[in-house]
């Protein structure tokens, strides 16, 4: 190991159980996104970690419908390095017990992404306690609604990203192999609305225009647009409904299609495809409502440059990291990268079973990953 990285690693090794204790406390503060009271309670605990570990006072950004967000500044400098994390989870309160079995820690949000939140704090604490100077200000932005699309925090994230030299997102690495995520697909929803003509399905079925059949034609078309080689988009019709009663030809049917796009250009291309798409059955009518969620986190030069630096930090710790192919899930890093800020994602904890009752963090990777993050923060 290089001398500085050796100091970081040894410091964190000596404090491994302290890091785990902070993580266990944060995980036990359960915070399912819809439960504002629980999320705010967790946010207060996270703010206390910033205060106790870094001496930093968090600004609380009040929210009426979601949990309150946190913004925390640490250090000083002409440049600002943004570190983005969320503290909401998908698990209902009481549904996932927190337990430690050997080198595995189980719990709700333990890697997605409370492990990453704690890792970022301890990475900064290691630099502080070791006297490793930072030539930049660290801006931690922790939101409370990432798991439901960051609807209440989107504008805050983009506002705080203005002027940042780079953004680190300590979301979990790919499971269970621990690869970094320099790129992610974007996402959207397409609502297909098919209109037909009702008729008695016994006496006069031929007098109707079946919206269900029209929807079937449209779903086959949409599914056929999917590209599974990771160059354009994939489309998954996941919610389908049509008709009211069994003896009436359906005059209305609809479907919700999950849309994942690989490159920003796919957004306009897809909109153009559906703008020119009409009904198949005579007498039927079809409408497409297209909503873009997160744009793609593109595999561009500025993002790949961050990964190259991360590789060097890992090598200086006698570690090796690999980049994952473009992953299908989204994060807030998608939007920040799309805003022009160099962004790297998936630099958090290593584990398995995200969004699953068996969600787990591999403790043997804890110190190396926090050390890599600390080295990276010092060198960006």
Protein backbone atom coordinates (compact mmCIF):
# COMPACT_ATOMS: atom_id res chain seq x y z
CA UNK A 1 0.00 0.00 0.00
CA UNK A 2 0.96 3.62 -0.48
CA UNK A 3 1.83 5.46 2.74
CA UNK A 4 -1.30 7.62 2.94
CA UNK A 5 -3.60 4.73 2.08
CA UNK A 6 -1.84 2.56 4.68
CA UNK A 7 -2.62 5.16 7.37
CA UNK A 8 -6.26 5.37 6.27
CA UNK A 9 -6.63 1.59 6.24
CA UNK A 10 -5.07 1.14 9.67
CA UNK A 11 -7.19 3.92 11.17
CA UNK A 12 -10.41 2.42 9.83
CA UNK A 13 -9.39 -1.09 10.86
CA UNK A 14 -8.94 0.16 14.43
CA UNK A 15 -12.43 1.72 14.28
CA UNK A 16 -14.23 -1.09 12.46
CA UNK A 17 -16.53 -1.92 15.36
CA UNK A 18 -17.33 1.78 15.84
CA UNK A 19 -18.35 2.02 12.19
CA UNK A 20 -20.52 -1.07 12.55
CA UNK A 21 -22.12 0.35 15.71
CA UNK A 22 -23.07 3.55 13.86
CA UNK A 23 -24.48 1.53 10.99
CA UNK A 24 -26.51 -0.75 13.25
CA UNK A 25 -27.98 2.30 15.01
CA UNK A 26 -28.94 3.90 11.70
CA UNK A 27 -30.44 0.67 10.33
CA UNK A 28 -32.45 0.16 13.52
CA UNK A 29 -33.93 3.62 12.96
CA UNK A 30 -36.29 2.15 10.37
CA UNK A 31 -37.38 4.58 7.68
CA UNK A 32 -39.83 3.31 5.06
CA UNK A 33 -40.39 6.17 2.62
CA UNK A 34 -44.16 6.70 3.19
CA UNK A 35 -43.75 6.96 7.00
CA UNK A 36 -42.71 10.60 7.50
CA UNK A 37 -42.48 10.29 11.27
CA UNK A 38 -40.12 7.33 11.06
CA UNK A 39 -38.05 8.88 8.26
CA UNK A 40 -37.65 12.14 10.17
CA UNK A 41 -36.57 10.21 13.26
CA UNK A 42 -33.91 8.49 11.18
CA UNK A 43 -32.85 11.82 9.68
CA UNK A 44 -32.27 13.25 13.17
CA UNK A 45 -30.01 10.31 13.98
CA UNK A 46 -28.09 10.79 10.74
CA UNK A 47 -27.66 14.49 11.55
CA UNK A 48 -26.29 13.52 14.96
CA UNK A 49 -23.67 11.32 13.25
CA UNK A 50 -22.52 14.26 11.14
CA UNK A 51 -22.28 16.37 14.31
CA UNK A 52 -20.57 13.78 16.51
CA UNK A 53 -18.17 12.36 13.92
CA UNK A 54 -17.32 15.48 11.89
CA UNK A 55 -18.43 18.41 14.01
CA UNK A 56 -20.69 19.45 11.15
CA UNK A 57 -24.16 20.92 11.62
CA UNK A 58 -26.77 19.67 9.16
CA UNK A 59 -29.35 21.96 7.62
CA UNK A 60 -32.81 20.40 7.75
CA UNK A 61 -34.89 20.97 4.60
CA UNK A 62 -38.52 20.62 5.81
CA UNK A 63 -41.03 18.71 3.72
CA UNK A 64 -44.78 18.57 4.11
CA UNK A 65 -45.47 15.24 2.42
CA UNK A 66 -42.12 13.42 2.56
CA UNK A 67 -39.44 13.13 5.19
CA UNK A 68 -37.21 16.14 5.74
CA UNK A 69 -33.95 16.24 3.76
CA UNK A 70 -30.48 17.02 5.13
CA UNK A 71 -27.71 19.20 3.69
CA UNK A 72 -24.35 19.11 5.48
CA UNK A 73 -21.14 20.96 4.68
CA UNK A 74 -17.70 19.88 5.85
CA UNK A 75 -14.34 21.48 5.15
CA UNK A 76 -13.58 24.44 2.92
CA UNK A 77 -12.11 25.24 -0.46
CA UNK A 78 -12.83 26.83 -3.78
CA UNK A 79 -14.13 23.53 -5.19
CA UNK A 80 -17.15 21.58 -3.95
CA UNK A 81 -17.37 17.80 -4.00
CA UNK A 82 -20.96 16.60 -3.73
CA UNK A 83 -21.75 13.33 -1.94
CA UNK A 84 -25.33 12.16 -2.36
CA UNK A 85 -27.15 9.59 -0.27
CA UNK A 86 -30.66 8.67 0.83
CA UNK A 87 -31.87 7.32 4.15
CA UNK A 88 -35.32 6.03 3.23
CA UNK A 89 -35.90 2.31 2.65
CA UNK A 90 -38.44 0.04 0.98
CA UNK A 91 -39.05 -2.27 3.95
CA UNK A 92 -42.17 -1.81 6.13
CA UNK A 93 -41.37 -1.17 9.77
CA UNK A 94 -40.77 -4.38 11.72
CA UNK A 95 -40.60 -6.60 8.62
CA UNK A 96 -36.81 -7.14 8.55
CA UNK A 97 -34.90 -7.84 11.77
CA UNK A 98 -31.43 -6.41 12.32
CA UNK A 99 -28.91 -9.10 13.12
CA UNK A 100 -25.24 -9.96 12.73
CA UNK A 101 -24.15 -13.43 11.79
CA UNK A 102 -20.40 -13.80 11.41
CA UNK A 103 -19.23 -11.45 8.66
CA UNK A 104 -22.74 -10.61 7.47
CA UNK A 105 -24.94 -7.82 8.81
CA UNK A 106 -28.65 -8.05 7.98
CA UNK A 107 -31.20 -5.27 8.16
CA UNK A 108 -33.56 -2.91 6.30
CA UNK A 109 -31.51 -0.61 4.12
CA UNK A 110 -28.20 -1.95 5.41
CA UNK A 111 -26.60 -1.57 1.98
CA UNK A 112 -29.34 0.41 0.19
CA UNK A 113 -28.09 2.72 1.34
CA UNK A 114 -27.47 3.37 5.00
CA UNK A 115 -24.17 1.53 4.69
CA UNK A 116 -23.10 4.07 2.08
CA UNK A 117 -24.23 6.99 4.24
CA UNK A 118 -22.16 5.77 7.19
CA UNK A 119 -19.22 4.96 4.92
CA UNK A 120 -19.16 8.54 3.60
CA UNK A 121 -19.17 9.98 7.12
CA UNK A 122 -16.37 7.70 8.31
CA UNK A 123 -14.32 8.28 5.16
CA UNK A 124 -14.41 12.01 5.91
CA UNK A 125 -13.73 11.37 9.60
CA UNK A 126 -10.63 9.33 8.74
CA UNK A 127 -9.26 12.21 6.68
CA UNK A 128 -10.08 14.67 9.46
CA UNK A 129 -8.55 12.65 12.29
CA UNK A 130 -5.44 11.78 10.30
CA UNK A 131 -4.85 15.40 9.36
CA UNK A 132 -5.08 14.71 5.63
CA UNK A 133 -5.92 18.10 4.20
CA UNK A 134 -8.79 18.58 1.78
CA UNK A 135 -8.53 21.19 -0.94
CA UNK A 136 -12.29 21.26 -1.32
CA UNK A 137 -15.57 21.55 0.52
CA UNK A 138 -17.61 18.38 0.97
CA UNK A 139 -21.32 18.87 0.43
CA UNK A 140 -23.40 15.95 1.71
CA UNK A 141 -26.99 15.88 0.47
CA UNK A 142 -29.17 13.17 2.03
CA UNK A 143 -32.73 12.87 0.76
CA UNK A 144 -35.69 11.03 2.21
CA UNK A 145 -37.60 9.90 -0.88
CA UNK A 146 -35.16 8.30 -3.31
CA UNK A 147 -36.93 4.95 -3.22
CA UNK A 148 -40.08 6.52 -4.64
CA UNK A 149 -38.34 8.54 -7.35
CA UNK A 150 -37.04 11.62 -5.46
CA UNK A 151 -40.07 13.65 -6.46
CA UNK A 152 -39.77 15.89 -3.40
CA UNK A 153 -35.98 16.24 -3.51
CA UNK A 154 -35.25 16.48 -7.24
CA UNK A 155 -35.02 20.27 -7.35
CA UNK A 156 -32.90 20.37 -4.18
CA UNK A 157 -30.41 17.90 -5.63
CA UNK A 158 -30.05 19.77 -8.89
CA UNK A 159 -29.73 23.11 -7.12
CA UNK A 160 -26.96 21.83 -4.84
CA UNK A 161 -25.20 20.20 -7.79
CA UNK A 162 -24.64 23.56 -9.46
CA UNK A 163 -20.94 24.30 -9.48
CA UNK A 164 -19.88 20.96 -8.01
CA UNK A 165 -16.60 19.64 -9.39
CA UNK A 166 -17.87 16.05 -9.13
CA UNK A 167 -20.50 13.90 -7.45
CA UNK A 168 -19.98 10.66 -5.53
CA UNK A 169 -22.99 8.42 -4.96
CA UNK A 170 -22.19 5.71 -2.37
CA UNK A 171 -25.11 3.54 -3.42
CA UNK A 172 -24.28 -0.16 -3.07
CA UNK A 173 -21.95 -1.82 -5.53
CA UNK A 174 -23.42 -4.48 -7.79
CA UNK A 175 -24.57 -7.53 -5.88
CA UNK A 176 -22.85 -9.66 -4.86
CA UNK A 177 -19.65 -9.09 -6.88
CA UNK A 178 -18.98 -5.52 -5.73
CA UNK A 179 -18.45 -3.82 -9.09
CA UNK A 180 -18.69 -0.04 -9.46
CA UNK A 181 -21.50 1.62 -11.44
CA UNK A 182 -20.08 4.26 -13.80
CA UNK A 183 -23.31 4.09 -15.84
CA UNK A 184 -27.00 3.39 -15.27
CA UNK A 185 -30.05 3.16 -17.49
CA UNK A 186 -32.67 5.87 -17.26
CA UNK A 187 -36.32 5.10 -16.66
CA UNK A 188 -39.78 6.18 -17.58
CA UNK A 189 -43.41 5.08 -17.73
CA UNK A 190 -45.58 4.74 -20.82
CA UNK A 191 -49.33 4.54 -20.28
CA UNK A 192 -51.17 2.99 -23.21
CA UNK A 193 -54.88 3.93 -23.35
CA UNK A 194 -57.04 2.05 -25.85
CA UNK A 195 -60.60 3.08 -26.68
CA UNK A 196 -63.10 0.81 -28.42
CA UNK A 197 -66.88 0.37 -28.64
CA UNK A 198 -69.03 -1.58 -26.20
CA UNK A 199 -71.48 -4.24 -27.40
CA UNK A 200 -73.33 -7.24 -25.99
CA UNK A 201 -70.84 -10.07 -26.18
CA UNK A 202 -73.59 -12.66 -26.68
CA UNK A 203 -76.09 -10.99 -29.01
CA UNK A 204 -73.83 -8.68 -31.00
CA UNK A 205 -70.10 -9.22 -30.40
CA UNK A 206 -69.29 -8.22 -33.98
CA UNK A 207 -70.89 -4.84 -33.36
CA UNK A 208 -68.25 -3.87 -30.84
CA UNK A 209 -64.64 -2.75 -31.11
CA UNK A 210 -62.67 -4.66 -28.48
CA UNK A 211 -60.28 -2.37 -26.62
CA UNK A 212 -58.66 -5.40 -25.02
CA UNK A 213 -57.64 -6.76 -28.42
CA UNK A 214 -56.39 -3.34 -29.48
CA UNK A 215 -54.28 -3.23 -26.33
CA UNK A 216 -52.92 -6.69 -27.10
CA UNK A 217 -51.75 -5.46 -30.52
CA UNK A 218 -50.09 -2.43 -28.94
CA UNK A 219 -48.36 -4.48 -26.25
CA UNK A 220 -46.88 -6.86 -28.81
CA UNK A 221 -45.63 -3.85 -30.75
CA UNK A 222 -44.12 -2.19 -27.67
CA UNK A 223 -42.45 -5.36 -26.45
CA UNK A 224 -40.97 -5.86 -29.90
CA UNK A 225 -39.12 -2.55 -29.58
CA UNK A 226 -36.99 -3.86 -26.72
CA UNK A 227 -33.24 -4.07 -27.21
CA UNK A 228 -31.61 -6.47 -24.75
CA UNK A 229 -28.08 -5.75 -25.97
CA UNK A 230 -28.00 -2.50 -24.02
CA UNK A 231 -27.90 0.02 -26.88
CA UNK A 232 -31.36 1.60 -26.98
CA UNK A 233 -34.34 0.77 -24.71
CA UNK A 234 -36.30 -2.03 -23.10
CA UNK A 235 -40.06 -2.03 -22.52
CA UNK A 236 -41.89 -4.16 -19.95
CA UNK A 237 -45.73 -4.08 -19.80
CA UNK A 238 -46.24 -4.75 -16.09
CA UNK A 239 -49.78 -3.57 -15.25
CA UNK A 240 -52.69 -4.37 -17.60
CA UNK A 241 -56.42 -3.79 -17.18
CA UNK A 242 -59.47 -3.75 -19.44
CA UNK A 243 -63.21 -4.28 -19.46
CA UNK A 244 -65.83 -3.94 -16.77
CA UNK A 245 -68.04 -7.04 -16.96
CA UNK A 246 -67.72 -10.41 -18.64
CA UNK A 247 -70.68 -10.09 -21.05
CA UNK A 248 -69.77 -6.72 -22.60
CA UNK A 249 -67.16 -6.14 -25.27
CA UNK A 250 -64.54 -3.94 -23.64
CA UNK A 251 -64.62 -0.30 -24.70
CA UNK A 252 -61.52 0.68 -22.71
CA UNK A 253 -58.23 -0.98 -21.76
CA UNK A 254 -54.92 0.35 -20.53
CA UNK A 255 -51.43 -0.75 -19.57
CA UNK A 256 -48.45 0.70 -17.75
CA UNK A 257 -45.14 -0.05 -19.43
CA UNK A 258 -41.83 0.27 -17.60
CA UNK A 259 -39.31 1.92 -19.94
CA UNK A 260 -35.53 1.80 -19.47
CA UNK A 261 -33.34 3.79 -21.84
CA UNK A 262 -29.57 3.42 -22.30
CA UNK A 263 -28.63 6.77 -23.83
CA UNK A 264 -30.19 10.25 -23.55
CA UNK A 265 -31.03 10.28 -27.26
CA UNK A 266 -33.51 7.48 -26.65
CA UNK A 267 -35.91 9.86 -24.94
CA UNK A 268 -36.74 11.86 -28.06
CA UNK A 269 -36.50 8.84 -30.37
CA UNK A 270 -39.04 6.92 -28.31
CA UNK A 271 -41.40 9.89 -28.13
CA UNK A 272 -41.28 10.16 -31.92
CA UNK A 273 -42.09 6.46 -32.34
CA UNK A 274 -45.24 6.72 -30.27
CA UNK A 275 -46.26 10.08 -31.72
CA UNK A 276 -46.61 8.33 -35.06
CA UNK A 277 -48.29 5.19 -33.74
CA UNK A 278 -52.01 4.71 -34.33
CA UNK A 279 -54.63 2.05 -33.58
CA UNK A 280 -54.62 -1.32 -35.35
CA UNK A 281 -58.34 -2.20 -35.25
CA UNK A 282 -60.82 -0.22 -37.39
CA UNK A 283 -62.85 2.02 -35.12
CA UNK A 284 -60.38 1.89 -32.23
CA UNK A 285 -58.34 4.76 -30.85
CA UNK A 286 -55.08 4.71 -28.89
CA UNK A 287 -53.25 7.28 -26.80
CA UNK A 288 -49.75 7.12 -25.30
CA UNK A 289 -48.83 9.11 -22.19
CA UNK A 290 -45.04 9.21 -21.77
CA UNK A 291 -43.35 10.22 -18.53
CA UNK A 292 -39.57 10.35 -18.10
CA UNK A 293 -38.32 9.57 -14.59
CA UNK A 294 -34.52 9.60 -14.42
CA UNK A 295 -32.42 10.21 -17.56
CA UNK A 296 -29.55 7.77 -18.18
CA UNK A 297 -26.31 8.08 -16.23
CA UNK A 298 -24.22 8.04 -19.36
CA UNK A 299 -20.88 6.31 -19.76
CA UNK A 300 -19.12 9.49 -20.89
CA UNK A 301 -15.53 10.70 -20.66
CA UNK A 302 -15.98 12.77 -17.51
CA UNK A 303 -17.62 9.91 -15.62
CA UNK A 304 -15.09 7.35 -16.83
CA UNK A 305 -12.27 9.67 -15.70
CA UNK A 306 -13.61 9.39 -12.16
CA UNK A 307 -13.61 5.61 -12.42
CA UNK A 308 -9.98 5.66 -13.63
CA UNK A 309 -9.03 7.69 -10.54
CA UNK A 310 -10.97 5.27 -8.32
CA UNK A 311 -9.05 2.37 -9.85
CA UNK A 312 -5.79 4.09 -8.87
CA UNK A 313 -7.03 4.66 -5.32
CA UNK A 314 -7.94 0.98 -5.08
CA UNK A 315 -4.55 -0.07 -6.45
CA UNK A 316 -2.82 2.08 -3.83
CA UNK A 317 -4.75 0.06 -1.23
CA UNK A 318 -3.68 -3.20 -2.90
CA UNK A 319 -7.24 -3.64 -4.09
CA UNK A 320 -8.81 -4.10 -7.49
CA UNK A 321 -12.16 -2.74 -8.58
CA UNK A 322 -14.07 -3.40 -11.78
CA UNK A 323 -16.73 -1.45 -13.62
CA UNK A 324 -20.10 -3.11 -14.11
CA UNK A 325 -21.86 -3.00 -17.47
CA UNK A 326 -24.71 -0.50 -17.52
CA UNK A 327 -27.12 -1.45 -14.74
CA UNK A 328 -30.88 -1.22 -15.03
CA UNK A 329 -31.71 0.50 -11.75
CA UNK A 330 -31.64 4.28 -11.36
CA UNK A 331 -30.37 6.62 -8.66
CA UNK A 332 -30.13 10.34 -8.04
CA UNK A 333 -26.75 10.18 -9.74
CA UNK A 334 -28.58 9.85 -13.07
CA UNK A 335 -30.01 13.36 -12.80
CA UNK A 336 -26.82 14.93 -11.47
CA UNK A 337 -24.76 13.42 -14.27
CA UNK A 338 -27.34 14.58 -16.81
CA UNK A 339 -26.93 18.10 -15.41
CA UNK A 340 -23.28 17.99 -16.49
CA UNK A 341 -21.57 17.10 -13.20
CA UNK A 342 -18.97 14.28 -13.39
CA UNK A 343 -20.58 11.46 -11.41
CA UNK A 344 -19.60 8.02 -10.14
CA UNK A 345 -22.08 5.63 -8.57
CA UNK A 346 -22.02 2.33 -6.74
CA UNK A 347 -19.01 3.16 -4.55
CA UNK A 348 -20.80 2.15 -1.37
CA UNK A 349 -21.01 -1.17 0.42
CA UNK A 350 -20.79 -4.71 -0.90
CA UNK A 351 -23.57 -7.13 -0.09
CA UNK A 352 -26.61 -8.81 -1.56
CA UNK A 353 -30.40 -8.96 -1.78
CA UNK A 354 -31.30 -5.29 -2.19
CA UNK A 355 -35.05 -4.66 -1.66
CA UNK A 356 -35.36 -8.14 -0.16
CA UNK A 357 -36.03 -9.28 3.42
CA UNK A 358 -32.57 -10.91 3.33
CA UNK A 359 -30.79 -7.63 2.55
CA UNK A 360 -27.24 -8.02 3.80
CA UNK A 361 -23.85 -6.32 4.00
CA UNK A 362 -20.55 -8.20 3.79
CA UNK A 363 -18.52 -6.93 6.75
CA UNK A 364 -15.21 -8.23 5.41
CA UNK A 365 -15.49 -5.58 2.66
CA UNK A 366 -16.35 -2.74 5.05
CA UNK A 367 -12.90 -1.36 5.88
CA UNK A 368 -11.45 -1.70 2.35
CA UNK A 369 -14.42 0.07 0.79
CA UNK A 370 -14.47 2.93 3.30
CA UNK A 371 -10.70 3.30 2.88
CA UNK A 372 -11.07 3.44 -0.90
CA UNK A 373 -13.79 6.06 -0.55
CA UNK A 374 -11.61 8.16 1.79
CA UNK A 375 -8.66 8.00 -0.60
CA UNK A 376 -10.93 8.91 -3.48
CA UNK A 377 -12.45 11.88 -1.65
CA UNK A 378 -8.98 13.21 -0.88
CA UNK A 379 -7.87 12.98 -4.52
CA UNK A 380 -10.85 14.03 -6.64
